[in-house]
Protein backbone atom coordinates (compact mmCIF):
# COMPACT_ATOMS: atom_id res chain seq x y z
CA MET A 1 52.43 -9.90 -8.07
CA THR A 2 53.33 -10.25 -11.64
CA ARG A 3 52.78 -8.02 -14.75
CA ARG A 4 50.14 -10.58 -16.37
CA GLY A 5 49.35 -12.61 -13.24
CA ILE A 6 48.05 -10.08 -10.78
CA GLY A 7 45.21 -11.43 -8.65
CA GLU A 8 41.66 -9.75 -8.92
CA ARG A 9 38.87 -8.57 -6.43
CA ARG A 10 35.17 -9.17 -7.27
CA ARG A 11 33.20 -5.96 -8.32
CA SER A 12 30.43 -5.08 -5.99
CA GLY A 13 26.95 -6.15 -7.07
CA GLY A 14 28.02 -9.14 -9.27
CA GLY A 15 30.58 -11.67 -10.02
CA THR A 16 32.60 -10.11 -12.95
CA LEU A 17 36.14 -10.12 -12.17
CA LEU A 18 38.68 -7.24 -12.80
CA ALA A 19 42.45 -7.60 -12.79
CA ARG A 20 43.58 -6.98 -9.27
CA PRO A 21 47.20 -7.08 -7.39
CA LEU A 22 47.88 -9.20 -4.33
CA SER A 23 46.51 -7.87 -1.18
CA LEU A 24 47.50 -9.66 2.14
CA VAL A 25 44.44 -8.00 3.53
CA PRO A 26 41.39 -10.29 4.04
CA THR A 27 39.18 -10.50 0.93
CA ASP A 28 36.19 -9.26 2.88
CA ALA A 29 38.07 -6.28 3.72
CA ARG A 30 39.30 -5.12 0.43
CA ALA A 31 38.11 -1.90 -1.13
CA GLN A 32 35.63 -2.48 -4.08
CA ALA A 33 36.62 -2.02 -7.64
CA PRO A 34 35.58 1.23 -9.46
CA ASP A 35 32.53 1.27 -11.22
CA GLY A 36 32.63 1.25 -15.23
CA PRO A 37 33.14 -1.53 -18.23
CA SER A 38 34.19 -4.61 -17.02
CA PRO A 39 36.43 -7.21 -19.28
CA VAL A 40 34.94 -10.49 -20.42
CA GLN A 41 35.13 -13.17 -17.93
CA VAL A 42 36.06 -16.50 -19.99
CA LEU A 43 37.33 -18.50 -16.79
CA SER A 44 36.16 -18.27 -13.26
CA ASP A 45 39.72 -18.02 -11.72
CA PRO A 46 40.78 -14.46 -11.77
CA VAL A 47 44.52 -15.24 -12.44
CA LEU A 48 43.58 -17.58 -15.36
CA ASN A 49 40.97 -15.29 -16.61
CA PHE A 50 43.52 -12.42 -16.96
CA GLN A 51 45.82 -14.74 -19.20
CA ALA A 52 42.94 -15.66 -21.14
CA LEU A 53 42.24 -12.01 -22.01
CA PHE A 54 45.91 -11.70 -23.26
CA ALA A 55 45.31 -14.74 -25.81
CA LEU A 56 42.11 -13.32 -27.01
CA GLY A 57 43.51 -9.84 -27.35
CA ALA A 58 46.45 -11.49 -29.23
CA THR A 59 44.01 -11.97 -32.35
CA GLY A 60 44.44 -8.30 -32.85
CA GLU A 61 48.00 -8.54 -34.40
CA GLY A 62 47.62 -12.15 -35.73
CA THR A 63 49.46 -13.97 -32.93
CA ALA A 64 46.31 -15.93 -32.10
CA GLU A 65 42.87 -17.02 -33.65
CA TYR A 66 39.62 -16.52 -31.69
CA GLY A 67 38.32 -19.98 -32.35
CA GLU A 68 41.35 -21.78 -31.47
CA VAL A 69 41.62 -19.75 -28.09
CA ALA A 70 37.77 -20.35 -27.62
CA THR A 71 38.38 -24.03 -28.08
CA VAL A 72 41.43 -24.03 -25.64
CA ILE A 73 39.10 -22.12 -23.13
CA ASP A 74 36.42 -24.86 -23.47
CA GLY A 75 39.08 -27.60 -22.81
CA ILE A 76 40.14 -25.79 -19.61
CA ARG A 77 36.62 -25.36 -18.48
CA ALA A 78 36.01 -28.97 -19.07
CA ARG A 79 39.00 -29.73 -16.78
CA GLY A 80 38.05 -27.89 -13.86
CA SER A 81 39.81 -24.52 -14.93
CA THR A 82 43.11 -25.75 -13.12
CA ILE A 83 46.59 -24.27 -13.74
CA ASP A 84 47.63 -27.67 -14.98
CA ALA A 85 44.77 -27.70 -17.36
CA VAL A 86 45.85 -24.33 -18.75
CA HIS A 87 49.25 -25.48 -19.32
CA ASP A 88 48.11 -28.53 -21.19
CA GLU A 89 45.31 -27.24 -23.26
CA PHE A 90 47.49 -24.45 -24.57
CA THR A 91 50.22 -26.82 -25.13
CA ALA A 92 48.25 -29.29 -27.11
CA MET A 93 46.70 -26.33 -29.34
CA SER A 94 50.50 -25.27 -29.90
CA VAL A 95 51.44 -28.64 -31.02
CA GLN A 96 48.50 -28.92 -33.39
CA LEU A 97 49.45 -25.59 -35.04
CA ARG A 98 53.23 -26.83 -35.21
CA ASP A 99 52.19 -29.85 -37.20
CA ALA A 100 50.04 -28.05 -39.29
CA ALA A 101 52.71 -25.22 -39.72
CA ARG A 102 55.28 -28.36 -40.69
CA ARG A 103 52.67 -29.50 -43.29
CA SER A 104 52.24 -25.98 -44.90
CA ARG A 105 55.90 -25.56 -44.85
CA ALA A 106 56.36 -28.91 -46.66
CA GLY A 107 53.64 -27.89 -49.21
CA ARG A 108 55.37 -24.49 -49.83
CA HIS A 109 52.77 -22.55 -48.35
CA ARG A 110 54.91 -20.01 -46.88
CA VAL A 111 52.37 -17.54 -45.41
CA SER A 112 50.25 -20.12 -43.77
CA ALA A 113 53.29 -21.95 -42.25
CA ARG A 114 54.66 -18.51 -41.06
CA ASP A 115 51.15 -17.81 -39.34
CA GLN A 116 50.73 -21.07 -37.99
CA PHE A 117 54.25 -21.11 -36.46
CA LEU A 118 53.41 -17.64 -34.95
CA ARG A 119 50.29 -18.89 -33.29
CA SER A 120 51.96 -21.99 -32.13
CA ALA A 121 54.53 -19.87 -30.45
CA ARG A 122 52.10 -17.51 -28.68
CA TYR A 123 50.13 -20.41 -27.40
CA LEU A 124 52.97 -21.46 -25.47
CA THR A 125 53.45 -18.31 -23.54
CA PRO A 126 50.56 -19.31 -20.97
CA PRO A 127 52.21 -22.71 -20.24
CA LEU A 128 55.35 -20.94 -19.77
CA PHE A 129 54.12 -18.36 -17.51
CA PHE A 130 52.02 -20.94 -15.52
CA VAL A 131 54.82 -23.58 -14.89
CA LEU A 132 55.67 -22.54 -11.36
CA GLY A 133 51.99 -23.50 -10.52
CA THR A 134 51.58 -26.72 -12.15
CA SER A 135 52.22 -30.38 -10.68
CA ASP A 136 55.70 -30.12 -12.12
CA PRO A 137 56.92 -26.92 -11.02
CA THR A 138 60.42 -27.00 -11.96
CA SER A 139 62.99 -25.10 -13.62
CA ALA A 140 63.77 -27.87 -16.14
CA ARG A 141 60.01 -27.66 -17.32
CA GLN A 142 60.32 -23.86 -17.76
CA ALA A 143 63.38 -24.61 -19.75
CA THR A 144 61.79 -27.13 -22.10
CA ASP A 145 58.71 -24.90 -22.63
CA TYR A 146 60.88 -21.86 -23.20
CA ARG A 147 62.84 -23.92 -25.77
CA ALA A 148 59.73 -25.04 -27.72
CA MET A 149 58.23 -21.69 -27.72
CA ARG A 150 61.41 -19.91 -29.34
CA ALA A 151 61.85 -22.77 -31.84
CA ARG A 152 58.31 -22.02 -33.17
CA TRP A 153 58.89 -18.19 -33.00
CA ASN A 154 62.15 -18.67 -34.84
CA ALA A 155 60.57 -21.00 -37.48
CA ALA A 156 58.03 -18.28 -37.94
CA GLY A 157 60.71 -15.62 -38.23
CA ARG A 158 62.48 -17.46 -41.08
CA LEU A 159 59.39 -17.30 -42.96
CA PHE A 160 58.70 -13.55 -42.67
CA SER A 161 59.71 -11.45 -45.83
CA PRO A 162 62.39 -10.44 -45.00
CA PRO A 163 63.29 -13.17 -42.52
CA ILE A 164 63.59 -11.93 -38.99
CA GLU A 165 67.35 -11.99 -38.10
CA GLN A 166 68.45 -13.57 -34.95
CA VAL A 167 71.31 -11.52 -33.43
CA ARG A 168 73.59 -11.58 -30.49
CA ILE A 169 74.22 -8.25 -28.76
CA PRO A 170 77.59 -7.77 -27.31
CA TYR A 171 76.97 -7.69 -23.45
CA GLY A 172 79.88 -7.87 -21.01
CA PRO A 173 81.91 -10.93 -21.87
CA GLY A 174 78.97 -12.49 -23.32
CA SER A 175 75.91 -11.36 -25.27
CA LEU A 176 72.02 -10.85 -25.11
CA PRO A 177 70.02 -12.69 -27.80
CA GLY A 178 67.80 -10.68 -29.66
CA TRP A 179 65.74 -10.33 -32.95
CA PHE A 180 66.05 -7.72 -35.58
CA LEU A 181 62.83 -7.11 -37.60
CA ARG A 182 63.08 -5.36 -40.95
CA PRO A 183 60.14 -4.20 -43.21
CA PRO A 184 59.90 -5.30 -46.91
CA GLY A 185 61.67 -3.20 -49.56
CA ARG A 186 65.34 -2.10 -49.94
CA ARG A 187 67.73 -2.16 -47.26
CA HIS A 188 68.54 1.18 -46.18
CA ARG A 189 68.79 3.33 -42.99
CA ARG A 190 65.53 3.38 -41.24
CA PRO A 191 63.92 4.46 -37.90
CA THR A 192 64.45 1.70 -35.45
CA ILE A 193 62.35 0.93 -32.19
CA VAL A 194 63.93 -1.03 -29.25
CA LEU A 195 61.29 -3.06 -27.90
CA ASN A 196 62.00 -3.50 -24.05
CA ASN A 197 60.27 -6.30 -22.29
CA GLY A 198 59.22 -6.43 -18.63
CA ASN A 199 59.63 -9.45 -16.61
CA ASP A 200 57.34 -12.27 -17.68
CA ALA A 201 56.39 -11.73 -21.30
CA GLN A 202 58.31 -13.41 -24.47
CA ALA A 203 59.33 -12.40 -27.96
CA VAL A 204 56.32 -13.42 -29.53
CA ASP A 205 54.24 -11.06 -27.29
CA ILE A 206 56.41 -8.28 -27.82
CA TYR A 207 55.68 -8.81 -31.39
CA ALA A 208 52.01 -8.19 -30.82
CA TYR A 209 52.82 -5.19 -28.64
CA GLY A 210 55.27 -3.46 -30.90
CA GLY A 211 56.91 -5.22 -33.54
CA ALA A 212 54.02 -5.76 -36.08
CA ALA A 213 53.18 -2.05 -35.61
CA ALA A 214 56.70 -1.00 -36.39
CA LEU A 215 56.98 -3.11 -39.55
CA ALA A 216 53.42 -1.93 -40.65
CA ARG A 217 54.99 1.86 -40.34
CA GLY A 218 58.15 1.01 -42.17
CA TYR A 219 60.66 1.02 -39.03
CA ASN A 220 63.01 -1.59 -38.09
CA ALA A 221 62.41 -3.38 -34.69
CA LEU A 222 64.50 -4.95 -32.16
CA ILE A 223 63.43 -7.32 -29.66
CA PHE A 224 65.82 -8.56 -27.14
CA GLU A 225 66.24 -10.46 -23.82
CA GLY A 226 67.82 -8.88 -21.07
CA PRO A 227 69.09 -10.14 -17.77
CA GLY A 228 65.81 -11.91 -15.93
CA GLN A 229 64.11 -12.28 -19.24
CA GLY A 230 63.67 -15.24 -21.66
CA ALA A 231 66.78 -17.29 -22.21
CA MET A 232 68.82 -15.26 -19.92
CA LEU A 233 66.35 -16.39 -17.04
CA PHE A 234 65.27 -19.59 -18.19
CA LEU A 235 68.52 -21.02 -19.76
CA ARG A 236 71.35 -19.04 -18.04
CA ASN A 237 69.56 -18.25 -14.53
CA VAL A 238 70.64 -14.52 -14.87
CA ARG A 239 68.95 -12.17 -12.71
CA MET A 240 67.28 -8.95 -13.61
CA ARG A 241 69.45 -5.88 -12.54
CA PRO A 242 68.19 -2.46 -11.72
CA ASP A 243 70.82 -0.41 -13.35
CA TRP A 244 69.17 -1.02 -16.75
CA GLU A 245 71.64 1.56 -18.38
CA LYS A 246 74.12 -1.12 -18.44
CA VAL A 247 71.68 -2.92 -20.68
CA ILE A 248 70.38 -0.31 -23.00
CA THR A 249 73.49 1.28 -23.70
CA PRO A 250 75.09 -2.04 -25.30
CA VAL A 251 71.74 -2.38 -27.40
CA VAL A 252 72.06 1.32 -28.74
CA ASP A 253 75.93 0.61 -29.39
CA TYR A 254 74.61 -2.46 -31.45
CA LEU A 255 71.96 -0.73 -33.55
CA ARG A 256 74.29 2.27 -34.10
CA GLY A 257 76.86 -0.27 -35.84
CA ARG A 258 74.37 -1.69 -38.29
CA ASP A 259 74.31 -0.03 -41.71
CA ASP A 260 70.25 -0.24 -41.82
CA VAL A 261 69.83 1.86 -38.79
CA ASP A 262 69.31 5.70 -38.86
CA LYS A 263 71.32 6.32 -35.82
CA ARG A 264 69.39 9.78 -35.18
CA ARG A 265 66.13 7.74 -35.28
CA ILE A 266 66.51 5.21 -32.51
CA ALA A 267 63.36 5.13 -29.88
CA ALA A 268 62.62 2.67 -27.03
CA ILE A 269 59.51 1.24 -25.69
CA GLY A 270 59.45 -0.05 -22.11
CA TRP A 271 56.21 -2.25 -21.82
CA SER A 272 55.29 -3.20 -18.35
CA GLN A 273 58.16 -3.11 -16.18
CA GLY A 274 60.11 -1.99 -18.92
CA GLY A 275 58.61 1.19 -18.50
CA GLU A 276 60.54 1.45 -15.36
CA LEU A 277 63.74 0.02 -16.75
CA VAL A 278 64.04 2.33 -19.73
CA ALA A 279 63.29 5.38 -17.30
CA ARG A 280 66.15 4.24 -15.26
CA ALA A 281 68.52 3.98 -18.23
CA LEU A 282 67.89 7.28 -20.07
CA PRO A 283 69.38 9.55 -17.47
CA PHE A 284 72.69 7.73 -18.46
CA GLU A 285 71.81 7.00 -22.13
CA HIS A 286 71.17 10.29 -24.22
CA ARG A 287 71.39 8.89 -27.79
CA LEU A 288 67.76 8.02 -28.07
CA ALA A 289 65.46 10.22 -30.22
CA ALA A 290 62.23 9.13 -28.11
CA ALA A 291 61.02 7.02 -25.56
CA VAL A 292 57.70 5.51 -24.22
CA PHE A 293 57.09 4.31 -20.68
CA ASP A 294 54.24 1.99 -21.02
CA PRO A 295 52.86 2.45 -18.23
CA GLY A 296 55.12 4.87 -16.38
CA SER A 297 56.26 3.27 -13.06
CA VAL A 298 59.09 4.32 -10.44
CA ALA A 299 59.02 1.46 -8.10
CA GLU A 300 58.71 -2.16 -9.15
CA ILE A 301 57.89 -3.23 -4.97
CA ALA A 302 54.49 -1.62 -5.51
CA ALA A 303 53.63 -4.54 -7.73
CA PHE A 304 54.08 -6.83 -4.88
CA HIS A 305 51.64 -5.41 -2.76
CA LEU A 306 53.21 -6.28 0.58
CA PRO A 307 52.26 -4.63 3.88
CA GLU A 308 54.36 -1.38 4.78
CA GLU A 309 55.17 -2.79 7.96
CA LEU A 310 56.73 -6.12 6.61
CA ILE A 311 58.75 -3.99 4.00
CA GLN A 312 59.92 -2.03 7.12
CA VAL A 313 61.08 -5.08 8.85
CA VAL A 314 63.43 -5.99 5.94
CA GLN A 315 64.52 -2.32 5.64
CA SER A 316 65.55 -2.46 9.48
CA GLY A 317 67.96 -5.53 8.55
CA ASP A 318 66.33 -8.02 10.41
CA ARG A 319 66.54 -11.14 8.20
CA GLU A 320 65.15 -13.47 10.74
CA GLU A 321 62.27 -11.61 11.71
CA ALA A 322 61.12 -10.73 8.21
CA ASN A 323 61.62 -14.46 7.00
CA ALA A 324 59.61 -15.71 10.00
CA GLN A 325 57.01 -13.23 9.38
CA TRP A 326 56.73 -14.25 5.64
CA ASP A 327 56.78 -17.88 6.75
CA SER A 328 53.85 -17.39 8.73
CA ILE A 329 51.87 -15.71 5.91
CA PHE A 330 52.90 -17.67 2.82
CA PRO A 331 51.32 -21.01 3.68
CA ASN A 332 47.76 -19.27 4.52
CA LEU A 333 47.68 -17.24 1.08
CA PRO A 334 45.25 -18.70 -1.73
CA GLU A 335 46.99 -21.30 -4.06
CA THR A 336 47.10 -18.83 -7.00
CA THR A 337 48.39 -16.09 -4.88
CA ARG A 338 51.16 -18.39 -3.90
CA PHE A 339 51.89 -18.98 -7.43
CA GLU A 340 51.73 -15.59 -8.20
CA PHE A 341 54.29 -14.52 -5.51
CA ARG A 342 56.72 -17.49 -6.84
CA LYS A 343 56.32 -16.34 -10.37
CA GLY A 344 56.78 -12.48 -9.70
CA ALA A 345 60.08 -13.41 -7.63
CA ALA A 346 61.63 -15.57 -10.19
CA PRO A 347 63.30 -13.02 -12.14
CA PHE A 348 65.29 -11.58 -9.48
CA VAL A 349 66.62 -14.97 -8.43
CA GLN A 350 67.06 -14.46 -4.58
CA PRO A 351 67.54 -17.29 -2.07
CA ASP A 352 64.77 -15.82 0.38
CA PHE A 353 61.99 -13.37 1.09
CA PHE A 354 64.33 -11.08 2.86
CA ASP A 355 66.95 -10.93 0.09
CA LEU A 356 63.99 -10.76 -2.68
CA VAL A 357 62.57 -7.66 -1.05
CA ARG A 358 65.80 -5.93 -0.44
CA TYR A 359 66.85 -6.57 -4.20
CA VAL A 360 63.61 -5.43 -5.40
CA LEU A 361 63.63 -2.03 -3.46
CA GLN A 362 66.74 -1.28 -5.79
CA PHE A 363 64.20 -1.30 -8.68
CA GLN A 364 63.04 2.34 -8.34
CA ILE A 365 63.61 5.66 -9.84
CA GLY A 366 63.40 8.90 -7.93
CA PRO A 367 62.19 12.36 -9.12
CA ASP A 368 65.63 13.73 -9.03
CA LEU A 369 66.84 10.90 -11.74
CA ILE A 370 63.71 11.35 -13.98
CA GLY A 371 64.55 15.01 -14.21
CA ARG A 372 67.88 14.17 -15.63
CA ILE A 373 66.06 12.77 -18.68
CA GLY A 374 66.49 14.70 -21.71
CA THR A 375 64.63 12.41 -24.35
CA PRO A 376 61.20 13.25 -25.55
CA THR A 377 58.97 10.93 -23.71
CA LEU A 378 55.44 9.66 -23.92
CA VAL A 379 54.05 8.16 -20.55
CA THR A 380 50.87 6.00 -20.76
CA GLU A 381 48.52 5.28 -17.99
CA TYR A 382 45.86 2.34 -18.03
CA GLU A 383 42.42 2.88 -16.43
CA ASP A 384 42.13 0.23 -13.51
CA GLU A 385 46.07 -0.05 -13.58
CA LEU A 386 46.57 -2.02 -10.28
CA VAL A 387 50.37 -3.21 -10.95
CA TYR A 388 51.55 0.20 -10.50
CA PRO A 389 48.63 2.55 -9.60
CA GLY A 390 49.21 6.22 -9.83
CA GLN A 391 52.78 5.89 -10.79
CA ALA A 392 52.29 7.12 -14.32
CA GLN A 393 51.33 10.47 -13.22
CA THR A 394 54.17 10.53 -10.71
CA VAL A 395 56.77 9.91 -13.63
CA TYR A 396 55.15 12.42 -15.84
CA ASP A 397 55.15 15.12 -13.29
CA ALA A 398 58.88 14.60 -12.55
CA LEU A 399 59.90 14.79 -16.22
CA ARG A 400 61.48 17.90 -17.39
CA SER A 401 61.85 16.81 -21.26
CA ARG A 402 59.39 17.18 -23.79
CA LYS A 403 56.70 14.96 -22.68
CA ALA A 404 53.01 13.52 -23.19
CA LEU A 405 50.60 11.78 -20.89
CA ARG A 406 48.18 9.29 -22.57
CA ARG A 407 45.67 7.44 -20.54
CA LEU A 408 44.05 4.33 -22.00
CA THR A 409 40.47 3.73 -21.14
CA ALA A 410 37.70 1.17 -20.51
CA ALA A 411 35.63 3.08 -23.08
CA GLU A 412 38.51 2.10 -25.60
CA GLY A 413 38.21 -1.30 -24.47
CA ALA A 414 42.00 -0.82 -23.29
CA GLN A 415 41.94 -0.81 -19.52
CA LEU A 416 43.80 -2.72 -17.33
CA HIS A 417 47.70 -3.09 -16.95
CA ASP A 418 49.23 -3.78 -20.57
CA ALA A 419 45.80 -3.40 -22.19
CA PRO A 420 45.37 -7.09 -22.62
CA MET A 421 42.35 -7.09 -24.92
CA ALA A 422 43.36 -4.06 -27.06
CA PRO A 423 47.01 -4.11 -28.47
CA GLN A 424 45.96 -2.59 -31.86
CA ARG A 425 44.62 0.39 -29.96
CA ARG A 426 47.73 0.58 -27.61
CA ASN A 427 49.90 0.30 -30.61
CA GLU A 428 47.79 3.06 -32.44
CA ILE A 429 48.25 5.53 -29.59
CA VAL A 430 52.18 4.71 -29.08
CA PHE A 431 53.21 4.80 -32.79
CA ASP A 432 51.03 7.75 -33.50
CA TRP A 433 53.15 9.85 -30.99
CA LEU A 434 56.38 8.17 -32.49
CA GLU A 435 55.64 9.02 -35.86
CA LYS A 436 55.68 12.63 -34.89
CA ARG A 437 59.32 12.32 -33.53
CA LEU A 438 60.72 9.74 -36.14
CA GLY A 439 58.85 10.62 -39.41
């Protein structure tokens, strides 16, 4: 249902769990997972396990520490591997790191404080992700967790050299929150990477999947929160919008107005659903030097894995029947699947099932529109991609610009949607390609 909370099915011949999307088909009737290397199983619940893989993978870019994550996992197991346990154990580790960071900062240990604040922020992303599945599934709790995460991310940012700059990107009558990252050295015009999130990660996650890699290569990076993301969702209740060109164009306008950005060398990476969002924007926004759709996707409704006949009821316009069918299905789904649906639906801010499906169906980009993209584009595809299966090839085939397709595999440890265990390998592939376009 969501980028990072997709359900899972058991592989044949064993109990190892692989990331799988929601299916309303009974478990014993589901197709078996493909053969091949499987990810580590550290928690018995498949949804919780997938989040744990992201936390372990974050060690690759310094936003987590293996021993700290292992300690959290032990605590979760001891409490029965519940969603509340995940929320509480990660929160406790985050508080522990926050307190350590404050002591380090007071002692003028700048690097230690920065790294501790960074990890403290990262350990609040699982609690924020799972709030709607806890015993207190309220928007108020989401806002509280988001503010705490952002405060620790900002505290870390102030200790970077140079500090991460908090920015406001003009957007309609208001603004979008963002963070401008600049590498060490003299201030001058540099290539700049726009890091476009999907619908359920946070700024500290995007730092691991692009921000750190950009800085290491001497690039600027801009992380921002658009409609349906971060503060725009949790604090302002602004829903995600399908016409993402109305978001990307103000972002590009903002960057082109800075004296430390090379206007000719601005690129965008769309991560997860961000791949479809950036793809939607590029037929209308032609000022980017390069783009990455990571992974390539064309239709967000596929991530919900709803029965086609139920979607057809919605498309027929029969609100009462669609809602009645869903109301008969939803209570009989497993608890974690119900959570996944609520989480997946949240960024779209719709009142009922009928309106949700109608709205999500607008998040798609057809071959004619993709064919209008003139930006050189890298499309990624993940082995065992189960959120947008097959869509990367569809995007690649429809592109008429200079293009490349790169598949990330289990042999690299980079399988599953968003390569949860391999941010470094993913960054190597993406930025090696970008370096050829940006220099």
